[in-house]
Amino acid sequence: MTRFLFILPLLLSASVASAQQQPGHDACARDVTRFCRAVMNNGDGAVLACLKQNRTRLSKGCDKVLTDHGQ
């Protein structure tokens, strides 16, 4: 899980400055733990796919982060 929490902001957008990535990390960390725990060790692509599959169940904050980053 720790690996994912550091990589999610990079996955969402490599063009966003590091200071701006922290809110995405915080907004989606709980959703990843809740809905995507089984795929956390399968790589960032698997976690992103899981978040997209669970889009209707995500918190508003995480959904906004994904939307803001074109996902």
PDB file of N, CA and C in Angstrom:
ATOM      1  N   MET A   1       0.820  -1.186   0.000  1.00  0.00           N
ATOM      2  CA  MET A   1       0.000   0.000   0.000  1.00  0.00           C
ATOM      3  C   MET A   1       0.865   1.250   0.000  1.00  0.00           C
ATOM      4  N   THR A   2       1.938   1.220   0.772  1.00  0.00           N
ATOM      5  CA  THR A   2       2.797   2.393   0.855  1.00  0.00           C
ATOM      6  C   THR A   2       3.337   2.762  -0.518  1.00  0.00           C
ATOM      7  N   ARG A   3       3.721   1.745  -1.283  1.00  0.00           N
ATOM      8  CA  ARG A   3       4.248   2.005  -2.624  1.00  0.00           C
ATOM      9  C   ARG A   3       3.212   2.747  -3.464  1.00  0.00           C
ATOM     10  N   PHE A   4       1.981   2.274  -3.419  1.00  0.00           N
ATOM     11  CA  PHE A   4       0.945   2.910  -4.200  1.00  0.00           C
ATOM     12  C   PHE A   4       0.710   4.349  -3.777  1.00  0.00           C
ATOM     13  N   LEU A   5       0.714   4.592  -2.489  1.00  0.00           N
ATOM     14  CA  LEU A   5       0.428   5.927  -1.989  1.00  0.00           C
ATOM     15  C   LEU A   5       1.450   6.952  -2.472  1.00  0.00           C
ATOM     16  N   PHE A   6       2.661   6.502  -2.737  1.00  0.00           N
ATOM     17  CA  PHE A   6       3.663   7.419  -3.254  1.00  0.00           C
ATOM     18  C   PHE A   6       3.602   7.534  -4.765  1.00  0.00           C
ATOM     19  N   ILE A   7       3.069   6.524  -5.441  1.00  0.00           N
ATOM     20  CA  ILE A   7       3.075   6.494  -6.900  1.00  0.00           C
ATOM     21  C   ILE A   7       1.796   7.068  -7.508  1.00  0.00           C
ATOM     22  N   LEU A   8       0.680   6.996  -6.810  1.00  0.00           N
ATOM     23  CA  LEU A   8      -0.583   7.482  -7.360  1.00  0.00           C
ATOM     24  C   LEU A   8      -0.496   8.890  -7.921  1.00  0.00           C
ATOM     25  N   PRO A   9       0.080   9.838  -7.199  1.00  0.00           N
ATOM     26  CA  PRO A   9       0.148  11.189  -7.766  1.00  0.00           C
ATOM     27  C   PRO A   9       0.933  11.222  -9.083  1.00  0.00           C
ATOM     28  N   LEU A  10       1.975  10.439  -9.192  1.00  0.00           N
ATOM     29  CA  LEU A  10       2.743  10.401 -10.435  1.00  0.00           C
ATOM     30  C   LEU A  10       1.931   9.777 -11.554  1.00  0.00           C
ATOM     31  N   LEU A  11       1.169   8.767 -11.211  1.00  0.00           N
ATOM     32  CA  LEU A  11       0.331   8.098 -12.186  1.00  0.00           C
ATOM     33  C   LEU A  11      -0.736   9.028 -12.735  1.00  0.00           C
ATOM     34  N   LEU A  12      -1.335   9.806 -11.873  1.00  0.00           N
ATOM     35  CA  LEU A  12      -2.427  10.677 -12.296  1.00  0.00           C
ATOM     36  C   LEU A  12      -1.969  11.763 -13.249  1.00  0.00           C
ATOM     37  N   SER A  13      -0.786  12.323 -12.998  1.00  0.00           N
ATOM     38  CA  SER A  13      -0.301  13.356 -13.901  1.00  0.00           C
ATOM     39  C   SER A  13       1.149  13.685 -13.623  1.00  0.00           C
ATOM     40  N   ALA A  14       2.002  13.372 -14.576  1.00  0.00           N
ATOM     41  CA  ALA A  14       3.422  13.653 -14.409  1.00  0.00           C
ATOM     42  C   ALA A  14       3.701  15.149 -14.551  1.00  0.00           C
ATOM     43  N   SER A  15       2.778  15.886 -15.126  1.00  0.00           N
ATOM     44  CA  SER A  15       3.014  17.302 -15.359  1.00  0.00           C
ATOM     45  C   SER A  15       2.645  18.192 -14.171  1.00  0.00           C
ATOM     46  N   VAL A  16       2.018  17.641 -13.162  1.00  0.00           N
ATOM     47  CA  VAL A  16       1.603  18.431 -12.002  1.00  0.00           C
ATOM     48  C   VAL A  16       2.772  18.525 -11.030  1.00  0.00           C
ATOM     49  N   ALA A  17       2.997  19.667 -10.488  1.00  0.00           N
ATOM     50  CA  ALA A  17       4.092  19.865  -9.539  1.00  0.00           C
ATOM     51  C   ALA A  17       3.877  19.004  -8.298  1.00  0.00           C
ATOM     52  N   SER A  18       4.940  18.635  -7.659  1.00  0.00           N
ATOM     53  CA  SER A  18       4.883  17.742  -6.509  1.00  0.00           C
ATOM     54  C   SER A  18       3.974  18.274  -5.408  1.00  0.00           C
ATOM     55  N   ALA A  19       4.015  19.532  -5.150  1.00  0.00           N
ATOM     56  CA  ALA A  19       3.182  20.113  -4.096  1.00  0.00           C
ATOM     57  C   ALA A  19       1.699  20.001  -4.426  1.00  0.00           C
ATOM     58  N   GLN A  20       1.368  19.979  -5.705  1.00  0.00           N
ATOM     59  CA  GLN A  20      -0.026  19.876  -6.102  1.00  0.00           C
ATOM     60  C   GLN A  20      -0.503  18.436  -6.112  1.00  0.00           C
ATOM     61  N   GLN A  21       0.391  17.470  -6.058  1.00  0.00           N
ATOM     62  CA  GLN A  21       0.006  16.068  -6.124  1.00  0.00           C
ATOM     63  C   GLN A  21      -0.508  15.548  -4.788  1.00  0.00           C
ATOM     64  N   GLN A  22      -0.096  16.116  -3.708  1.00  0.00           N
ATOM     65  CA  GLN A  22      -0.479  15.629  -2.387  1.00  0.00           C
ATOM     66  C   GLN A  22      -1.993  15.522  -2.205  1.00  0.00           C
ATOM     67  N   PRO A  23      -2.803  16.481  -2.641  1.00  0.00           N
ATOM     68  CA  PRO A  23      -4.250  16.336  -2.461  1.00  0.00           C
ATOM     69  C   PRO A  23      -4.809  15.101  -3.160  1.00  0.00           C
ATOM     70  N   GLY A  24      -4.288  14.735  -4.324  1.00  0.00           N
ATOM     71  CA  GLY A  24      -4.742  13.533  -5.021  1.00  0.00           C
ATOM     72  C   GLY A  24      -4.418  12.297  -4.220  1.00  0.00           C
ATOM     73  N   HIS A  25      -3.253  12.276  -3.657  1.00  0.00           N
ATOM     74  CA  HIS A  25      -2.824  11.169  -2.798  1.00  0.00           C
ATOM     75  C   HIS A  25      -3.780  11.014  -1.631  1.00  0.00           C
ATOM     76  N   ASP A  26      -4.055  12.091  -0.948  1.00  0.00           N
ATOM     77  CA  ASP A  26      -4.936  12.057   0.216  1.00  0.00           C
ATOM     78  C   ASP A  26      -6.370  11.714  -0.173  1.00  0.00           C
ATOM     79  N   ALA A  27      -6.830  12.251  -1.278  1.00  0.00           N
ATOM     80  CA  ALA A  27      -8.221  12.065  -1.681  1.00  0.00           C
ATOM     81  C   ALA A  27      -8.521  10.624  -2.067  1.00  0.00           C
ATOM     82  N   CYS A  28      -7.560   9.917  -2.628  1.00  0.00           N
ATOM     83  CA  CYS A  28      -7.822   8.563  -3.125  1.00  0.00           C
ATOM     84  C   CYS A  28      -7.283   7.450  -2.236  1.00  0.00           C
ATOM     85  N   ALA A  29      -6.459   7.771  -1.256  1.00  0.00           N
ATOM     86  CA  ALA A  29      -5.830   6.727  -0.440  1.00  0.00           C
ATOM     87  C   ALA A  29      -6.873   5.815   0.215  1.00  0.00           C
ATOM     88  N   ARG A  30      -7.901   6.389   0.776  1.00  0.00           N
ATOM     89  CA  ARG A  30      -8.915   5.574   1.453  1.00  0.00           C
ATOM     90  C   ARG A  30      -9.708   4.728   0.455  1.00  0.00           C
ATOM     91  N   ASP A  31     -10.008   5.296  -0.711  1.00  0.00           N
ATOM     92  CA  ASP A  31     -10.738   4.546  -1.736  1.00  0.00           C
ATOM     93  C   ASP A  31      -9.904   3.375  -2.250  1.00  0.00           C
ATOM     94  N   VAL A  32      -8.616   3.585  -2.406  1.00  0.00           N
ATOM     95  CA  VAL A  32      -7.745   2.499  -2.852  1.00  0.00           C
ATOM     96  C   VAL A  32      -7.749   1.381  -1.820  1.00  0.00           C
ATOM     97  N   THR A  33      -7.623   1.756  -0.559  1.00  0.00           N
ATOM     98  CA  THR A  33      -7.636   0.757   0.503  1.00  0.00           C
ATOM     99  C   THR A  33      -8.975   0.021   0.544  1.00  0.00           C
ATOM    100  N   ARG A  34     -10.032   0.742   0.361  1.00  0.00           N
ATOM    101  CA  ARG A  34     -11.376   0.179   0.459  1.00  0.00           C
ATOM    102  C   ARG A  34     -11.738  -0.710  -0.729  1.00  0.00           C
ATOM    103  N   PHE A  35     -11.453  -0.259  -1.946  1.00  0.00           N
ATOM    104  CA  PHE A  35     -11.947  -0.946  -3.133  1.00  0.00           C
ATOM    105  C   PHE A  35     -10.884  -1.707  -3.922  1.00  0.00           C
ATOM    106  N   CYS A  36      -9.626  -1.354  -3.753  1.00  0.00           N
ATOM    107  CA  CYS A  36      -8.592  -1.893  -4.647  1.00  0.00           C
ATOM    108  C   CYS A  36      -7.457  -2.602  -3.919  1.00  0.00           C
ATOM    109  N   ARG A  37      -7.672  -2.971  -2.704  1.00  0.00           N
ATOM    110  CA  ARG A  37      -6.626  -3.628  -1.911  1.00  0.00           C
ATOM    111  C   ARG A  37      -6.080  -4.868  -2.619  1.00  0.00           C
ATOM    112  N   ALA A  38      -6.933  -5.638  -3.260  1.00  0.00           N
ATOM    113  CA  ALA A  38      -6.516  -6.889  -3.899  1.00  0.00           C
ATOM    114  C   ALA A  38      -5.544  -6.680  -5.062  1.00  0.00           C
ATOM    115  N   VAL A  39      -5.548  -5.501  -5.670  1.00  0.00           N
ATOM    116  CA  VAL A  39      -4.684  -5.274  -6.836  1.00  0.00           C
ATOM    117  C   VAL A  39      -3.540  -4.300  -6.554  1.00  0.00           C
ATOM    118  N   MET A  40      -3.385  -3.900  -5.312  1.00  0.00           N
ATOM    119  CA  MET A  40      -2.368  -2.902  -4.986  1.00  0.00           C
ATOM    120  C   MET A  40      -0.958  -3.348  -5.350  1.00  0.00           C
ATOM    121  N   ASN A  41      -0.670  -4.625  -5.302  1.00  0.00           N
ATOM    122  CA  ASN A  41       0.666  -5.116  -5.629  1.00  0.00           C
ATOM    123  C   ASN A  41       0.827  -5.452  -7.100  1.00  0.00           C
ATOM    124  N   ASN A  42      -0.191  -5.200  -7.899  1.00  0.00           N
ATOM    125  CA  ASN A  42      -0.151  -5.520  -9.327  1.00  0.00           C
ATOM    126  C   ASN A  42       0.287  -4.347 -10.191  1.00  0.00           C
ATOM    127  N   GLY A  43       0.660  -3.260  -9.590  1.00  0.00           N
ATOM    128  CA  GLY A  43       1.139  -2.106 -10.339  1.00  0.00           C
ATOM    129  C   GLY A  43       0.127  -0.976 -10.392  1.00  0.00           C
ATOM    130  N   ASP A  44       0.627   0.159 -10.798  1.00  0.00           N
ATOM    131  CA  ASP A  44      -0.181   1.374 -10.812  1.00  0.00           C
ATOM    132  C   ASP A  44      -1.337   1.301 -11.804  1.00  0.00           C
ATOM    133  N   GLY A  45      -1.074   0.672 -12.957  1.00  0.00           N
ATOM    134  CA  GLY A  45      -2.126   0.548 -13.958  1.00  0.00           C
ATOM    135  C   GLY A  45      -3.309  -0.242 -13.441  1.00  0.00           C
ATOM    136  N   ALA A  46      -3.030  -1.285 -12.675  1.00  0.00           N
ATOM    137  CA  ALA A  46      -4.094  -2.112 -12.107  1.00  0.00           C
ATOM    138  C   ALA A  46      -4.905  -1.323 -11.082  1.00  0.00           C
ATOM    139  N   VAL A  47      -4.228  -0.519 -10.297  1.00  0.00           N
ATOM    140  CA  VAL A  47      -4.926   0.288  -9.290  1.00  0.00           C
ATOM    141  C   VAL A  47      -5.793   1.339  -9.972  1.00  0.00           C
ATOM    142  N   LEU A  48      -5.261   1.993 -10.979  1.00  0.00           N
ATOM    143  CA  LEU A  48      -6.046   2.993 -11.706  1.00  0.00           C
ATOM    144  C   LEU A  48      -7.261   2.341 -12.355  1.00  0.00           C
ATOM    145  N   ALA A  49      -7.070   1.175 -12.968  1.00  0.00           N
ATOM    146  CA  ALA A  49      -8.192   0.461 -13.580  1.00  0.00           C
ATOM    147  C   ALA A  49      -9.240   0.109 -12.534  1.00  0.00           C
ATOM    148  N   CYS A  50      -8.793  -0.304 -11.364  1.00  0.00           N
ATOM    149  CA  CYS A  50      -9.714  -0.631 -10.277  1.00  0.00           C
ATOM    150  C   CYS A  50     -10.509   0.601  -9.842  1.00  0.00           C
ATOM    151  N   LEU A  51      -9.828   1.716  -9.714  1.00  0.00           N
ATOM    152  CA  LEU A  51     -10.531   2.951  -9.334  1.00  0.00           C
ATOM    153  C   LEU A  51     -11.584   3.305 -10.383  1.00  0.00           C
ATOM    154  N   LYS A  52     -11.232   3.149 -11.645  1.00  0.00           N
ATOM    155  CA  LYS A  52     -12.188   3.447 -12.714  1.00  0.00           C
ATOM    156  C   LYS A  52     -13.371   2.490 -12.678  1.00  0.00           C
ATOM    157  N   GLN A  53     -13.117   1.221 -12.377  1.00  0.00           N
ATOM    158  CA  GLN A  53     -14.202   0.238 -12.295  1.00  0.00           C
ATOM    159  C   GLN A  53     -15.148   0.541 -11.138  1.00  0.00           C
ATOM    160  N   ASN A  54     -14.625   1.155 -10.117  1.00  0.00           N
ATOM    161  CA  ASN A  54     -15.423   1.481  -8.938  1.00  0.00           C
ATOM    162  C   ASN A  54     -15.820   2.953  -8.911  1.00  0.00           C
ATOM    163  N   ARG A  55     -15.829   3.584 -10.044  1.00  0.00           N
ATOM    164  CA  ARG A  55     -16.052   5.022 -10.159  1.00  0.00           C
ATOM    165  C   ARG A  55     -17.292   5.500  -9.402  1.00  0.00           C
ATOM    166  N   THR A  56     -18.371   4.771  -9.494  1.00  0.00           N
ATOM    167  CA  THR A  56     -19.620   5.204  -8.852  1.00  0.00           C
ATOM    168  C   THR A  56     -19.561   5.090  -7.331  1.00  0.00           C
ATOM    169  N   ARG A  57     -18.592   4.354  -6.809  1.00  0.00           N
ATOM    170  CA  ARG A  57     -18.471   4.151  -5.368  1.00  0.00           C
ATOM    171  C   ARG A  57     -17.395   5.036  -4.739  1.00  0.00           C
ATOM    172  N   LEU A  58     -16.612   5.729  -5.552  1.00  0.00           N
ATOM    173  CA  LEU A  58     -15.508   6.540  -5.039  1.00  0.00           C
ATOM    174  C   LEU A  58     -16.019   7.759  -4.282  1.00  0.00           C
ATOM    175  N   SER A  59     -15.167   8.241  -3.383  1.00  0.00           N
ATOM    176  CA  SER A  59     -15.490   9.488  -2.693  1.00  0.00           C
ATOM    177  C   SER A  59     -15.496  10.623  -3.712  1.00  0.00           C
ATOM    178  N   LYS A  60     -16.188  11.687  -3.386  1.00  0.00           N
ATOM    179  CA  LYS A  60     -16.248  12.832  -4.297  1.00  0.00           C
ATOM    180  C   LYS A  60     -14.859  13.399  -4.564  1.00  0.00           C
ATOM    181  N   GLY A  61     -14.022  13.429  -3.535  1.00  0.00           N
ATOM    182  CA  GLY A  61     -12.673  13.973  -3.692  1.00  0.00           C
ATOM    183  C   GLY A  61     -11.825  13.164  -4.650  1.00  0.00           C
ATOM    184  N   CYS A  62     -11.867  11.852  -4.523  1.00  0.00           N
ATOM    185  CA  CYS A  62     -11.085  11.002  -5.416  1.00  0.00           C
ATOM    186  C   CYS A  62     -11.634  11.067  -6.841  1.00  0.00           C
ATOM    187  N   ASP A  63     -12.935  11.058  -6.979  1.00  0.00           N
ATOM    188  CA  ASP A  63     -13.542  11.173  -8.301  1.00  0.00           C
ATOM    189  C   ASP A  63     -13.116  12.477  -8.974  1.00  0.00           C
ATOM    190  N   LYS A  64     -13.064  13.541  -8.195  1.00  0.00           N
ATOM    191  CA  LYS A  64     -12.645  14.839  -8.743  1.00  0.00           C
ATOM    192  C   LYS A  64     -11.186  14.800  -9.182  1.00  0.00           C
ATOM    193  N   VAL A  65     -10.326  14.165  -8.392  1.00  0.00           N
ATOM    194  CA  VAL A  65      -8.911  14.057  -8.761  1.00  0.00           C
ATOM    195  C   VAL A  65      -8.778  13.306 -10.076  1.00  0.00           C
ATOM    196  N   LEU A  66      -9.479  12.195 -10.211  1.00  0.00           N
ATOM    197  CA  LEU A  66      -9.410  11.431 -11.458  1.00  0.00           C
ATOM    198  C   LEU A  66      -9.912  12.265 -12.631  1.00  0.00           C
ATOM    199  N   THR A  67     -11.035  12.936 -12.448  1.00  0.00           N
ATOM    200  CA  THR A  67     -11.593  13.770 -13.506  1.00  0.00           C
ATOM    201  C   THR A  67     -10.643  14.903 -13.886  1.00  0.00           C
ATOM    202  N   ASP A  68     -10.082  15.557 -12.882  1.00  0.00           N
ATOM    203  CA  ASP A  68      -9.161  16.665 -13.130  1.00  0.00           C
ATOM    204  C   ASP A  68      -7.911  16.239 -13.881  1.00  0.00           C
ATOM    205  N   HIS A  69      -7.576  14.940 -13.786  1.00  0.00           N
ATOM    206  CA  HIS A  69      -6.393  14.425 -14.465  1.00  0.00           C
ATOM    207  C   HIS A  69      -6.745  13.607 -15.707  1.00  0.00           C
ATOM    208  N   GLY A  70      -7.945  13.813 -16.208  1.00  0.00           N
ATOM    209  CA  GLY A  70      -8.342  13.197 -17.467  1.00  0.00           C
ATOM    210  C   GLY A  70      -8.600  11.702 -17.402  1.00  0.00           C
ATOM    211  N   GLN A  71      -8.921  11.226 -16.237  1.00  0.00           N
ATOM    212  CA  GLN A  71      -9.172   9.781 -16.082  1.00  0.00           C
ATOM    213  C   GLN A  71     -10.644   9.496 -15.932  1.00  0.00           C
TER     214      GLN A  71
END
